[in-house]
mmCIF file of all heavy atoms, coordinates in Angstrom:
data_MODEL
# 
_entry.id   MODEL 
# 
loop_
_atom_site.group_PDB 
_atom_site.id 
_atom_site.type_symbol 
_atom_site.label_atom_id 
_atom_site.label_alt_id 
_atom_site.label_comp_id 
_atom_site.label_asym_id 
_atom_site.label_entity_id 
_atom_site.label_seq_id 
_atom_site.pdbx_PDB_ins_code 
_atom_site.Cartn_x 
_atom_site.Cartn_y 
_atom_site.Cartn_z 
_atom_site.occupancy 
_atom_site.B_iso_or_equiv 
_atom_site.pdbx_formal_charge 
_atom_site.auth_seq_id 
_atom_site.auth_comp_id 
_atom_site.auth_asym_id 
_atom_site.auth_atom_id 
_atom_site.pdbx_PDB_model_num 
ATOM 1   N N   . GLY A 1 1  ? 92.722 -0.758  4.038  1.00 0.00 ? 1  GLY A N   1 
ATOM 2   C CA  . GLY A 1 1  ? 93.268 -1.174  5.358  1.00 0.00 ? 1  GLY A CA  1 
ATOM 3   C C   . GLY A 1 1  ? 92.113 -1.517  6.367  1.00 0.00 ? 1  GLY A C   1 
ATOM 4   O O   . GLY A 1 1  ? 92.438 -2.091  7.374  1.00 0.00 ? 1  GLY A O   1 
ATOM 5   N N   . ILE A 1 2  ? 90.873 -1.109  6.066  1.00 0.00 ? 2  ILE A N   1 
ATOM 6   C CA  . ILE A 1 2  ? 89.761 -1.467  6.898  1.00 0.00 ? 2  ILE A CA  1 
ATOM 7   C C   . ILE A 1 2  ? 89.058 -2.624  6.248  1.00 0.00 ? 2  ILE A C   1 
ATOM 8   O O   . ILE A 1 2  ? 88.603 -2.550  5.079  1.00 0.00 ? 2  ILE A O   1 
ATOM 9   C CB  . ILE A 1 2  ? 88.812 -0.268  7.056  1.00 0.00 ? 2  ILE A CB  1 
ATOM 10  C CG1 . ILE A 1 2  ? 89.420 0.865   7.795  1.00 0.00 ? 2  ILE A CG1 1 
ATOM 11  C CG2 . ILE A 1 2  ? 87.493 -0.777  7.789  1.00 0.00 ? 2  ILE A CG2 1 
ATOM 12  C CD1 . ILE A 1 2  ? 89.800 0.572   9.207  1.00 0.00 ? 2  ILE A CD1 1 
ATOM 13  N N   . SER A 1 3  ? 88.959 -3.789  6.876  1.00 0.00 ? 3  SER A N   1 
ATOM 14  C CA  . SER A 1 3  ? 88.517 -4.957  6.259  1.00 0.00 ? 3  SER A CA  1 
ATOM 15  C C   . SER A 1 3  ? 87.022 -5.095  6.332  1.00 0.00 ? 3  SER A C   1 
ATOM 16  O O   . SER A 1 3  ? 86.456 -5.729  5.428  1.00 0.00 ? 3  SER A O   1 
ATOM 17  C CB  . SER A 1 3  ? 89.094 -6.198  6.872  1.00 0.00 ? 3  SER A CB  1 
ATOM 18  O OG  . SER A 1 3  ? 88.922 -6.190  8.365  1.00 0.00 ? 3  SER A OG  1 
ATOM 19  N N   . ARG A 1 4  ? 86.366 -4.453  7.276  1.00 0.00 ? 4  ARG A N   1 
ATOM 20  C CA  . ARG A 1 4  ? 84.888 -4.592  7.420  1.00 0.00 ? 4  ARG A CA  1 
ATOM 21  C C   . ARG A 1 4  ? 84.289 -3.323  7.940  1.00 0.00 ? 4  ARG A C   1 
ATOM 22  O O   . ARG A 1 4  ? 84.230 -3.116  9.175  1.00 0.00 ? 4  ARG A O   1 
ATOM 23  C CB  . ARG A 1 4  ? 84.631 -5.770  8.339  1.00 0.00 ? 4  ARG A CB  1 
ATOM 24  C CG  . ARG A 1 4  ? 83.246 -6.274  8.283  1.00 0.00 ? 4  ARG A CG  1 
ATOM 25  C CD  . ARG A 1 4  ? 82.868 -7.062  7.033  1.00 0.00 ? 4  ARG A CD  1 
ATOM 26  N NE  . ARG A 1 4  ? 83.633 -8.315  6.931  1.00 0.00 ? 4  ARG A NE  1 
ATOM 27  C CZ  . ARG A 1 4  ? 83.268 -9.461  7.376  1.00 0.00 ? 4  ARG A CZ  1 
ATOM 28  N NH1 . ARG A 1 4  ? 82.215 -9.615  8.101  1.00 0.00 ? 4  ARG A NH1 1 
ATOM 29  N NH2 . ARG A 1 4  ? 84.011 -10.569 7.181  1.00 0.00 ? 4  ARG A NH2 1 
ATOM 30  N N   . PRO A 1 5  ? 83.778 -2.428  7.117  1.00 0.00 ? 5  PRO A N   1 
ATOM 31  C CA  . PRO A 1 5  ? 83.086 -1.165  7.653  1.00 0.00 ? 5  PRO A CA  1 
ATOM 32  C C   . PRO A 1 5  ? 81.909 -1.719  8.490  1.00 0.00 ? 5  PRO A C   1 
ATOM 33  O O   . PRO A 1 5  ? 81.352 -2.789  8.290  1.00 0.00 ? 5  PRO A O   1 
ATOM 34  C CB  . PRO A 1 5  ? 82.572 -0.491  6.328  1.00 0.00 ? 5  PRO A CB  1 
ATOM 35  C CG  . PRO A 1 5  ? 83.622 -0.982  5.307  1.00 0.00 ? 5  PRO A CG  1 
ATOM 36  C CD  . PRO A 1 5  ? 83.926 -2.335  5.640  1.00 0.00 ? 5  PRO A CD  1 
ATOM 37  N N   . ALA A 1 6  ? 81.497 -0.848  9.442  1.00 0.00 ? 6  ALA A N   1 
ATOM 38  C CA  . ALA A 1 6  ? 80.462 -1.258  10.365 1.00 0.00 ? 6  ALA A CA  1 
ATOM 39  C C   . ALA A 1 6  ? 79.493 -0.093  10.630 1.00 0.00 ? 6  ALA A C   1 
ATOM 40  O O   . ALA A 1 6  ? 79.826 1.102   10.291 1.00 0.00 ? 6  ALA A O   1 
ATOM 41  C CB  . ALA A 1 6  ? 81.054 -1.720  11.686 1.00 0.00 ? 6  ALA A CB  1 
ATOM 42  N N   . LEU A 1 7  ? 78.359 -0.459  11.245 1.00 0.00 ? 7  LEU A N   1 
ATOM 43  C CA  . LEU A 1 7  ? 77.366 0.617   11.516 1.00 0.00 ? 7  LEU A CA  1 
ATOM 44  C C   . LEU A 1 7  ? 77.444 0.991   13.047 1.00 0.00 ? 7  LEU A C   1 
ATOM 45  O O   . LEU A 1 7  ? 77.497 0.147   13.933 1.00 0.00 ? 7  LEU A O   1 
ATOM 46  C CB  . LEU A 1 7  ? 76.030 -0.047  11.263 1.00 0.00 ? 7  LEU A CB  1 
ATOM 47  C CG  . LEU A 1 7  ? 74.757 0.933   11.151 1.00 0.00 ? 7  LEU A CG  1 
ATOM 48  C CD1 . LEU A 1 7  ? 75.006 1.890   9.944  1.00 0.00 ? 7  LEU A CD1 1 
ATOM 49  C CD2 . LEU A 1 7  ? 73.511 0.118   10.971 1.00 0.00 ? 7  LEU A CD2 1 
ATOM 50  N N   . MET A 1 8  ? 77.623 2.303   13.219 1.00 0.00 ? 8  MET A N   1 
ATOM 51  C CA  . MET A 1 8  ? 77.779 2.886   14.497 1.00 0.00 ? 8  MET A CA  1 
ATOM 52  C C   . MET A 1 8  ? 76.659 3.734   14.939 1.00 0.00 ? 8  MET A C   1 
ATOM 53  O O   . MET A 1 8  ? 76.065 4.467   14.108 1.00 0.00 ? 8  MET A O   1 
ATOM 54  C CB  . MET A 1 8  ? 79.079 3.744   14.523 1.00 0.00 ? 8  MET A CB  1 
ATOM 55  C CG  . MET A 1 8  ? 79.421 4.400   15.839 1.00 0.00 ? 8  MET A CG  1 
ATOM 56  S SD  . MET A 1 8  ? 79.775 6.150   15.653 1.00 0.00 ? 8  MET A SD  1 
ATOM 57  C CE  . MET A 1 8  ? 78.210 6.899   15.547 1.00 0.00 ? 8  MET A CE  1 
ATOM 58  N N   . THR A 1 9  ? 76.187 3.671   16.185 1.00 0.00 ? 9  THR A N   1 
ATOM 59  C CA  . THR A 1 9  ? 75.180 4.583   16.703 1.00 0.00 ? 9  THR A CA  1 
ATOM 60  C C   . THR A 1 9  ? 75.589 5.115   18.090 1.00 0.00 ? 9  THR A C   1 
ATOM 61  O O   . THR A 1 9  ? 76.531 4.616   18.686 1.00 0.00 ? 9  THR A O   1 
ATOM 62  C CB  . THR A 1 9  ? 73.856 3.802   16.800 1.00 0.00 ? 9  THR A CB  1 
ATOM 63  O OG1 . THR A 1 9  ? 72.799 4.810   17.023 1.00 0.00 ? 9  THR A OG1 1 
ATOM 64  C CG2 . THR A 1 9  ? 73.850 2.757   17.883 1.00 0.00 ? 9  THR A CG2 1 
ATOM 65  N N   . LEU A 1 10 ? 74.870 6.062   18.574 1.00 0.00 ? 10 LEU A N   1 
ATOM 66  C CA  . LEU A 1 10 ? 75.110 6.573   19.862 1.00 0.00 ? 10 LEU A CA  1 
ATOM 67  C C   . LEU A 1 10 ? 73.868 6.199   20.858 1.00 0.00 ? 10 LEU A C   1 
ATOM 68  O O   . LEU A 1 10 ? 72.793 6.180   20.441 1.00 0.00 ? 10 LEU A O   1 
ATOM 69  C CB  . LEU A 1 10 ? 75.160 8.138   19.902 1.00 0.00 ? 10 LEU A CB  1 
ATOM 70  C CG  . LEU A 1 10 ? 76.387 8.715   19.197 1.00 0.00 ? 10 LEU A CG  1 
ATOM 71  C CD1 . LEU A 1 10 ? 76.349 10.275  19.321 1.00 0.00 ? 10 LEU A CD1 1 
ATOM 72  C CD2 . LEU A 1 10 ? 77.723 8.234   19.783 1.00 0.00 ? 10 LEU A CD2 1 
ATOM 73  N N   . LEU A 1 11 ? 74.258 5.827   22.098 1.00 0.00 ? 11 LEU A N   1 
ATOM 74  C CA  . LEU A 1 11 ? 73.286 5.501   23.072 1.00 0.00 ? 11 LEU A CA  1 
ATOM 75  C C   . LEU A 1 11 ? 73.521 6.379   24.306 1.00 0.00 ? 11 LEU A C   1 
ATOM 76  O O   . LEU A 1 11 ? 74.660 6.774   24.570 1.00 0.00 ? 11 LEU A O   1 
ATOM 77  C CB  . LEU A 1 11 ? 73.359 3.991   23.396 1.00 0.00 ? 11 LEU A CB  1 
ATOM 78  C CG  . LEU A 1 11 ? 72.857 3.012   22.392 1.00 0.00 ? 11 LEU A CG  1 
ATOM 79  C CD1 . LEU A 1 11 ? 73.123 1.606   22.778 1.00 0.00 ? 11 LEU A CD1 1 
ATOM 80  C CD2 . LEU A 1 11 ? 71.370 3.200   22.213 1.00 0.00 ? 11 LEU A CD2 1 
ATOM 81  N N   . PRO A 1 12 ? 72.453 6.634   25.115 1.00 0.00 ? 12 PRO A N   1 
ATOM 82  C CA  . PRO A 1 12 ? 72.620 7.413   26.275 1.00 0.00 ? 12 PRO A CA  1 
ATOM 83  C C   . PRO A 1 12 ? 73.422 6.799   27.403 1.00 0.00 ? 12 PRO A C   1 
ATOM 84  O O   . PRO A 1 12 ? 73.219 5.504   27.572 1.00 0.00 ? 12 PRO A O   1 
ATOM 85  C CB  . PRO A 1 12 ? 71.143 7.712   26.748 1.00 0.00 ? 12 PRO A CB  1 
ATOM 86  C CG  . PRO A 1 12 ? 70.402 6.580   26.194 1.00 0.00 ? 12 PRO A CG  1 
ATOM 87  C CD  . PRO A 1 12 ? 71.045 6.248   24.861 1.00 0.00 ? 12 PRO A CD  1 
ATOM 88  N N   . ALA A 1 13 ? 74.210 7.473   28.057 1.00 0.00 ? 13 ALA A N   1 
ATOM 89  C CA  . ALA A 1 13 ? 74.943 6.926   29.289 1.00 0.00 ? 13 ALA A CA  1 
ATOM 90  C C   . ALA A 1 13 ? 74.397 7.581   30.521 1.00 0.00 ? 13 ALA A C   1 
ATOM 91  O O   . ALA A 1 13 ? 74.328 8.750   30.642 1.00 0.00 ? 13 ALA A O   1 
ATOM 92  C CB  . ALA A 1 13 ? 76.436 7.210   29.159 1.00 0.00 ? 13 ALA A CB  1 
ATOM 93  N N   . MET A 1 14 ? 73.811 6.751   31.417 1.00 0.00 ? 14 MET A N   1 
ATOM 94  C CA  . MET A 1 14 ? 73.141 7.189   32.621 1.00 0.00 ? 14 MET A CA  1 
ATOM 95  C C   . MET A 1 14 ? 74.170 7.483   33.732 1.00 0.00 ? 14 MET A C   1 
ATOM 96  O O   . MET A 1 14 ? 73.721 7.876   34.820 1.00 0.00 ? 14 MET A O   1 
ATOM 97  C CB  . MET A 1 14 ? 72.090 6.282   33.013 1.00 0.00 ? 14 MET A CB  1 
ATOM 98  C CG  . MET A 1 14 ? 71.024 6.037   31.995 1.00 0.00 ? 14 MET A CG  1 
ATOM 99  S SD  . MET A 1 14 ? 70.265 7.526   31.320 1.00 0.00 ? 14 MET A SD  1 
ATOM 100 C CE  . MET A 1 14 ? 69.272 6.956   30.000 1.00 0.00 ? 14 MET A CE  1 
ATOM 101 N N   . GLY A 1 15 ? 75.402 7.116   33.542 1.00 0.00 ? 15 GLY A N   1 
ATOM 102 C CA  . GLY A 1 15 ? 76.364 7.324   34.604 1.00 0.00 ? 15 GLY A CA  1 
ATOM 103 C C   . GLY A 1 15 ? 77.650 7.598   33.907 1.00 0.00 ? 15 GLY A C   1 
ATOM 104 O O   . GLY A 1 15 ? 77.763 7.548   32.736 1.00 0.00 ? 15 GLY A O   1 
ATOM 105 N N   . GLY A 1 16 ? 78.688 7.865   34.728 1.00 0.00 ? 16 GLY A N   1 
ATOM 106 C CA  . GLY A 1 16 ? 80.035 8.108   34.133 1.00 0.00 ? 16 GLY A CA  1 
ATOM 107 C C   . GLY A 1 16 ? 80.177 9.507   33.730 1.00 0.00 ? 16 GLY A C   1 
ATOM 108 O O   . GLY A 1 16 ? 79.486 10.450  34.055 1.00 0.00 ? 16 GLY A O   1 
ATOM 109 N N   . GLU A 1 17 ? 81.270 9.724   32.963 1.00 0.00 ? 17 GLU A N   1 
ATOM 110 C CA  . GLU A 1 17 ? 81.751 11.076  32.658 1.00 0.00 ? 17 GLU A CA  1 
ATOM 111 C C   . GLU A 1 17 ? 80.904 11.761  31.540 1.00 0.00 ? 17 GLU A C   1 
ATOM 112 O O   . GLU A 1 17 ? 80.791 12.968  31.524 1.00 0.00 ? 17 GLU A O   1 
ATOM 113 C CB  . GLU A 1 17 ? 83.223 11.032  32.237 1.00 0.00 ? 17 GLU A CB  1 
ATOM 114 C CG  . GLU A 1 17 ? 83.886 12.297  31.953 1.00 0.00 ? 17 GLU A CG  1 
ATOM 115 C CD  . GLU A 1 17 ? 85.357 12.221  31.627 1.00 0.00 ? 17 GLU A CD  1 
ATOM 116 O OE1 . GLU A 1 17 ? 85.926 11.011  31.847 1.00 0.00 ? 17 GLU A OE1 1 
ATOM 117 O OE2 . GLU A 1 17 ? 85.947 13.229  31.214 1.00 0.00 ? 17 GLU A OE2 1 
ATOM 118 N N   . HIS A 1 18 ? 80.394 10.988  30.606 1.00 0.00 ? 18 HIS A N   1 
ATOM 119 C CA  . HIS A 1 18 ? 79.774 11.563  29.459 1.00 0.00 ? 18 HIS A CA  1 
ATOM 120 C C   . HIS A 1 18 ? 78.293 11.176  29.334 1.00 0.00 ? 18 HIS A C   1 
ATOM 121 O O   . HIS A 1 18 ? 77.857 10.225  30.011 1.00 0.00 ? 18 HIS A O   1 
ATOM 122 C CB  . HIS A 1 18 ? 80.450 11.105  28.128 1.00 0.00 ? 18 HIS A CB  1 
ATOM 123 C CG  . HIS A 1 18 ? 81.901 11.475  28.195 1.00 0.00 ? 18 HIS A CG  1 
ATOM 124 N ND1 . HIS A 1 18 ? 82.903 10.566  28.155 1.00 0.00 ? 18 HIS A ND1 1 
ATOM 125 C CD2 . HIS A 1 18 ? 82.542 12.726  28.106 1.00 0.00 ? 18 HIS A CD2 1 
ATOM 126 C CE1 . HIS A 1 18 ? 84.069 11.195  28.229 1.00 0.00 ? 18 HIS A CE1 1 
ATOM 127 N NE2 . HIS A 1 18 ? 83.855 12.465  28.115 1.00 0.00 ? 18 HIS A NE2 1 
ATOM 128 N N   . ASP A 1 19 ? 77.542 11.878  28.489 1.00 0.00 ? 19 ASP A N   1 
ATOM 129 C CA  . ASP A 1 19 ? 76.067 11.611  28.331 1.00 0.00 ? 19 ASP A CA  1 
ATOM 130 C C   . ASP A 1 19 ? 75.791 10.612  27.367 1.00 0.00 ? 19 ASP A C   1 
ATOM 131 O O   . ASP A 1 19 ? 74.522 10.112  27.333 1.00 0.00 ? 19 ASP A O   1 
ATOM 132 C CB  . ASP A 1 19 ? 75.401 12.983  27.951 1.00 0.00 ? 19 ASP A CB  1 
ATOM 133 C CG  . ASP A 1 19 ? 75.463 14.047  29.021 1.00 0.00 ? 19 ASP A CG  1 
ATOM 134 O OD1 . ASP A 1 19 ? 75.536 13.685  30.266 1.00 0.00 ? 19 ASP A OD1 1 
ATOM 135 O OD2 . ASP A 1 19 ? 75.413 15.180  28.670 1.00 0.00 ? 19 ASP A OD2 1 
ATOM 136 N N   . ALA A 1 20 ? 76.666 10.148  26.534 1.00 0.00 ? 20 ALA A N   1 
ATOM 137 C CA  . ALA A 1 20 ? 76.417 9.244   25.487 1.00 0.00 ? 20 ALA A CA  1 
ATOM 138 C C   . ALA A 1 20 ? 77.686 8.397   25.201 1.00 0.00 ? 20 ALA A C   1 
ATOM 139 O O   . ALA A 1 20 ? 78.728 8.818   25.525 1.00 0.00 ? 20 ALA A O   1 
ATOM 140 C CB  . ALA A 1 20 ? 75.930 9.867   24.219 1.00 0.00 ? 20 ALA A CB  1 
ATOM 141 N N   . PHE A 1 21 ? 77.442 7.208   24.625 1.00 0.00 ? 21 PHE A N   1 
ATOM 142 C CA  . PHE A 1 21 ? 78.601 6.420   24.147 1.00 0.00 ? 21 PHE A CA  1 
ATOM 143 C C   . PHE A 1 21 ? 78.351 5.873   22.799 1.00 0.00 ? 21 PHE A C   1 
ATOM 144 O O   . PHE A 1 21 ? 77.218 5.734   22.338 1.00 0.00 ? 21 PHE A O   1 
ATOM 145 C CB  . PHE A 1 21 ? 78.873 5.264   25.169 1.00 0.00 ? 21 PHE A CB  1 
ATOM 146 C CG  . PHE A 1 21 ? 77.776 4.203   25.275 1.00 0.00 ? 21 PHE A CG  1 
ATOM 147 C CD1 . PHE A 1 21 ? 77.806 3.041   24.482 1.00 0.00 ? 21 PHE A CD1 1 
ATOM 148 C CD2 . PHE A 1 21 ? 76.691 4.403   26.149 1.00 0.00 ? 21 PHE A CD2 1 
ATOM 149 C CE1 . PHE A 1 21 ? 76.768 2.111   24.585 1.00 0.00 ? 21 PHE A CE1 1 
ATOM 150 C CE2 . PHE A 1 21 ? 75.695 3.410   26.243 1.00 0.00 ? 21 PHE A CE2 1 
ATOM 151 C CZ  . PHE A 1 21 ? 75.714 2.296   25.419 1.00 0.00 ? 21 PHE A CZ  1 
ATOM 152 N N   . VAL A 1 22 ? 79.459 5.543   22.146 1.00 0.00 ? 22 VAL A N   1 
ATOM 153 C CA  . VAL A 1 22 ? 79.437 4.999   20.774 1.00 0.00 ? 22 VAL A CA  1 
ATOM 154 C C   . VAL A 1 22 ? 79.328 3.451   20.922 1.00 0.00 ? 22 VAL A C   1 
ATOM 155 O O   . VAL A 1 22 ? 79.902 2.778   21.798 1.00 0.00 ? 22 VAL A O   1 
ATOM 156 C CB  . VAL A 1 22 ? 80.754 5.328   20.083 1.00 0.00 ? 22 VAL A CB  1 
ATOM 157 C CG1 . VAL A 1 22 ? 80.926 4.457   18.801 1.00 0.00 ? 22 VAL A CG1 1 
ATOM 158 C CG2 . VAL A 1 22 ? 80.954 6.790   19.788 1.00 0.00 ? 22 VAL A CG2 1 
ATOM 159 N N   . MET A 1 23 ? 78.489 2.889   20.024 1.00 0.00 ? 23 MET A N   1 
ATOM 160 C CA  . MET A 1 23 ? 78.321 1.477   20.009 1.00 0.00 ? 23 MET A CA  1 
ATOM 161 C C   . MET A 1 23 ? 78.355 0.982   18.535 1.00 0.00 ? 23 MET A C   1 
ATOM 162 O O   . MET A 1 23 ? 77.762 1.535   17.594 1.00 0.00 ? 23 MET A O   1 
ATOM 163 C CB  . MET A 1 23 ? 77.059 0.965   20.597 1.00 0.00 ? 23 MET A CB  1 
ATOM 164 C CG  . MET A 1 23 ? 76.877 -0.542  20.702 1.00 0.00 ? 23 MET A CG  1 
ATOM 165 S SD  . MET A 1 23 ? 75.471 -1.022  21.695 1.00 0.00 ? 23 MET A SD  1 
ATOM 166 C CE  . MET A 1 23 ? 75.578 -2.792  21.468 1.00 0.00 ? 23 MET A CE  1 
ATOM 167 N N   . MET A 1 24 ? 79.237 0.022   18.308 1.00 0.00 ? 24 MET A N   1 
ATOM 168 C CA  . MET A 1 24 ? 79.359 -0.593  16.904 1.00 0.00 ? 24 MET A CA  1 
ATOM 169 C C   . MET A 1 24 ? 80.024 -2.016  16.990 1.00 0.00 ? 24 MET A C   1 
ATOM 170 O O   . MET A 1 24 ? 80.771 -2.230  17.969 1.00 0.00 ? 24 MET A O   1 
ATOM 171 C CB  . MET A 1 24 ? 80.210 0.310   16.005 1.00 0.00 ? 24 MET A CB  1 
ATOM 172 C CG  . MET A 1 24 ? 81.651 0.542   16.406 1.00 0.00 ? 24 MET A CG  1 
ATOM 173 S SD  . MET A 1 24 ? 82.508 1.718   15.297 1.00 0.00 ? 24 MET A SD  1 
ATOM 174 C CE  . MET A 1 24 ? 82.501 0.846   13.746 1.00 0.00 ? 24 MET A CE  1 
ATOM 175 N N   . ASP A 1 25 ? 79.598 -2.890  16.160 1.00 0.00 ? 25 ASP A N   1 
ATOM 176 C CA  . ASP A 1 25 ? 78.699 -2.855  15.024 1.00 0.00 ? 25 ASP A CA  1 
ATOM 177 C C   . ASP A 1 25 ? 77.314 -3.093  15.580 1.00 0.00 ? 25 ASP A C   1 
ATOM 178 O O   . ASP A 1 25 ? 77.138 -3.912  16.424 1.00 0.00 ? 25 ASP A O   1 
ATOM 179 C CB  . ASP A 1 25 ? 79.186 -3.868  14.040 1.00 0.00 ? 25 ASP A CB  1 
ATOM 180 C CG  . ASP A 1 25 ? 78.351 -3.950  12.781 1.00 0.00 ? 25 ASP A CG  1 
ATOM 181 O OD1 . ASP A 1 25 ? 77.553 -2.968  12.518 1.00 0.00 ? 25 ASP A OD1 1 
ATOM 182 O OD2 . ASP A 1 25 ? 78.390 -4.930  12.100 1.00 0.00 ? 25 ASP A OD2 1 
ATOM 183 N N   . VAL A 1 26 ? 76.336 -2.346  15.038 1.00 0.00 ? 26 VAL A N   1 
ATOM 184 C CA  . VAL A 1 26 ? 74.939 -2.583  15.429 1.00 0.00 ? 26 VAL A CA  1 
ATOM 185 C C   . VAL A 1 26 ? 74.108 -3.177  14.322 1.00 0.00 ? 26 VAL A C   1 
ATOM 186 O O   . VAL A 1 26 ? 72.912 -2.976  14.270 1.00 0.00 ? 26 VAL A O   1 
ATOM 187 C CB  . VAL A 1 26 ? 74.331 -1.283  15.996 1.00 0.00 ? 26 VAL A CB  1 
ATOM 188 C CG1 . VAL A 1 26 ? 74.944 -0.937  17.315 1.00 0.00 ? 26 VAL A CG1 1 
ATOM 189 C CG2 . VAL A 1 26 ? 74.384 -0.164  14.977 1.00 0.00 ? 26 VAL A CG2 1 
# 
């Protein structure tokens, strides 16, 4: 059901509610 697996990483968030965010596809 997933047509294209992807590469995910975490990056720092300098503002907002959390310290990091998910980014994909990288």
